[in-house]
Amino acid sequence: MDLGPHAAFILGAYGFTALVILGLVAHAFLDRRAQERALARLAQEPAPRGRR
């Protein structure tokens, strides 16, 4: 594959894009774990009493 004189730019752009996508996937994974922990904590709390 010949990318011509712009090979460094093209490969750099693909590399940067891969890093951004991996970062988004990692963030989603970590956020899901945090949300599950928060939901489990809320499920253990007693239900609030209604207003009168």
N, C-alpha and C. Protein backbone atom coordinates (compact mmCIF):
# COMPACT_ATOMS: atom_id res chain seq x y z
N MET A 1 0.86 -1.17 0.00
CA MET A 1 0.00 0.00 0.00
C MET A 1 0.90 1.23 0.00
N ASP A 2 0.68 2.09 -0.95
CA ASP A 2 1.47 3.31 -1.05
C ASP A 2 0.59 4.49 -0.64
N LEU A 3 0.95 5.11 0.47
CA LEU A 3 0.17 6.25 0.96
C LEU A 3 0.73 7.57 0.47
N GLY A 4 1.80 7.53 -0.24
CA GLY A 4 2.37 8.73 -0.81
C GLY A 4 3.08 9.59 0.22
N PRO A 5 3.25 10.86 -0.10
CA PRO A 5 4.00 11.75 0.78
C PRO A 5 3.26 12.09 2.07
N HIS A 6 2.01 11.74 2.16
CA HIS A 6 1.23 12.09 3.35
C HIS A 6 1.04 10.90 4.28
N ALA A 7 1.87 9.89 4.15
CA ALA A 7 1.73 8.66 4.94
C ALA A 7 1.77 8.94 6.43
N ALA A 8 2.68 9.79 6.87
CA ALA A 8 2.80 10.07 8.30
C ALA A 8 1.52 10.70 8.84
N PHE A 9 0.96 11.63 8.08
CA PHE A 9 -0.28 12.28 8.51
C PHE A 9 -1.43 11.28 8.56
N ILE A 10 -1.55 10.46 7.53
CA ILE A 10 -2.65 9.49 7.47
C ILE A 10 -2.55 8.48 8.60
N LEU A 11 -1.37 7.92 8.80
CA LEU A 11 -1.19 6.93 9.87
C LEU A 11 -1.36 7.58 11.24
N GLY A 12 -0.90 8.81 11.39
CA GLY A 12 -1.09 9.53 12.65
C GLY A 12 -2.56 9.78 12.94
N ALA A 13 -3.31 10.12 11.90
CA ALA A 13 -4.75 10.36 12.08
C ALA A 13 -5.46 9.08 12.48
N TYR A 14 -5.11 7.97 11.84
CA TYR A 14 -5.71 6.69 12.22
C TYR A 14 -5.32 6.31 13.65
N GLY A 15 -4.08 6.53 14.02
CA GLY A 15 -3.63 6.22 15.38
C GLY A 15 -4.35 7.06 16.42
N PHE A 16 -4.47 8.36 16.14
CA PHE A 16 -5.17 9.25 17.06
C PHE A 16 -6.64 8.85 17.20
N THR A 17 -7.26 8.52 16.09
CA THR A 17 -8.66 8.09 16.11
C THR A 17 -8.83 6.83 16.93
N ALA A 18 -7.91 5.89 16.78
CA ALA A 18 -7.97 4.64 17.56
C ALA A 18 -7.84 4.94 19.05
N LEU A 19 -6.95 5.86 19.41
CA LEU A 19 -6.78 6.22 20.82
C LEU A 19 -8.05 6.87 21.38
N VAL A 20 -8.67 7.73 20.60
CA VAL A 20 -9.90 8.39 21.06
C VAL A 20 -11.01 7.36 21.26
N ILE A 21 -11.16 6.44 20.31
CA ILE A 21 -12.20 5.42 20.44
C ILE A 21 -11.93 4.52 21.63
N LEU A 22 -10.69 4.11 21.83
CA LEU A 22 -10.36 3.30 23.00
C LEU A 22 -10.63 4.05 24.29
N GLY A 23 -10.35 5.35 24.31
CA GLY A 23 -10.64 6.16 25.49
C GLY A 23 -12.12 6.24 25.78
N LEU A 24 -12.93 6.38 24.73
CA LEU A 24 -14.38 6.42 24.92
C LEU A 24 -14.93 5.09 25.42
N VAL A 25 -14.41 4.00 24.90
CA VAL A 25 -14.84 2.68 25.36
C VAL A 25 -14.45 2.47 26.82
N ALA A 26 -13.23 2.85 27.17
CA ALA A 26 -12.77 2.71 28.56
C ALA A 26 -13.62 3.58 29.49
N HIS A 27 -13.93 4.79 29.08
CA HIS A 27 -14.76 5.68 29.90
C HIS A 27 -16.15 5.08 30.10
N ALA A 28 -16.73 4.54 29.04
CA ALA A 28 -18.06 3.93 29.15
C ALA A 28 -18.02 2.73 30.10
N PHE A 29 -16.98 1.92 30.01
CA PHE A 29 -16.85 0.76 30.88
C PHE A 29 -16.72 1.19 32.34
N LEU A 30 -15.86 2.15 32.61
CA LEU A 30 -15.66 2.61 33.99
C LEU A 30 -16.92 3.31 34.53
N ASP A 31 -17.60 4.08 33.68
CA ASP A 31 -18.82 4.76 34.11
C ASP A 31 -19.92 3.75 34.41
N ARG A 32 -20.01 2.69 33.62
CA ARG A 32 -21.02 1.67 33.89
C ARG A 32 -20.79 1.03 35.26
N ARG A 33 -19.54 0.72 35.56
CA ARG A 33 -19.22 0.13 36.88
C ARG A 33 -19.61 1.09 38.00
N ALA A 34 -19.31 2.38 37.83
CA ALA A 34 -19.65 3.37 38.86
C ALA A 34 -21.16 3.48 39.02
N GLN A 35 -21.90 3.48 37.91
CA GLN A 35 -23.36 3.58 37.98
C GLN A 35 -23.96 2.34 38.64
N GLU A 36 -23.42 1.16 38.37
CA GLU A 36 -23.92 -0.06 39.01
C GLU A 36 -23.69 -0.03 40.51
N ARG A 37 -22.51 0.48 40.93
CA ARG A 37 -22.24 0.60 42.37
C ARG A 37 -23.20 1.59 43.02
N ALA A 38 -23.44 2.71 42.35
CA ALA A 38 -24.36 3.72 42.91
C ALA A 38 -25.78 3.16 42.99
N LEU A 39 -26.20 2.43 41.99
CA LEU A 39 -27.53 1.84 41.99
C LEU A 39 -27.67 0.80 43.10
N ALA A 40 -26.63 -0.01 43.31
CA ALA A 40 -26.66 -1.00 44.39
C ALA A 40 -26.75 -0.31 45.75
N ARG A 41 -26.02 0.81 45.89
CA ARG A 41 -26.07 1.56 47.15
C ARG A 41 -27.47 2.12 47.38
N LEU A 42 -28.09 2.65 46.34
CA LEU A 42 -29.44 3.19 46.48
C LEU A 42 -30.46 2.10 46.77
N ALA A 43 -30.26 0.93 46.23
CA ALA A 43 -31.20 -0.18 46.44
C ALA A 43 -31.17 -0.65 47.89
N GLN A 44 -30.06 -0.44 48.58
CA GLN A 44 -29.94 -0.88 49.97
C GLN A 44 -30.52 0.14 50.95
N GLU A 45 -30.71 1.38 50.52
CA GLU A 45 -31.25 2.40 51.41
C GLU A 45 -32.74 2.18 51.61
N PRO A 46 -33.24 2.55 52.77
CA PRO A 46 -34.69 2.45 52.98
C PRO A 46 -35.44 3.45 52.08
N ALA A 47 -36.65 3.09 51.72
CA ALA A 47 -37.45 3.96 50.86
C ALA A 47 -37.83 5.22 51.62
N PRO A 48 -37.78 6.38 50.96
CA PRO A 48 -38.15 7.63 51.65
C PRO A 48 -39.67 7.65 51.90
N ARG A 49 -40.03 8.29 53.00
CA ARG A 49 -41.45 8.41 53.33
C ARG A 49 -42.05 9.52 52.51
N GLY A 50 -43.32 9.39 52.16
CA GLY A 50 -44.01 10.39 51.37
C GLY A 50 -44.30 11.65 52.15
N ARG A 51 -44.52 12.75 51.45
CA ARG A 51 -44.86 14.02 52.10
C ARG A 51 -46.32 14.02 52.48
N ARG A 52 -46.62 14.79 53.50
CA ARG A 52 -48.01 14.95 53.94
C ARG A 52 -48.45 16.35 53.80
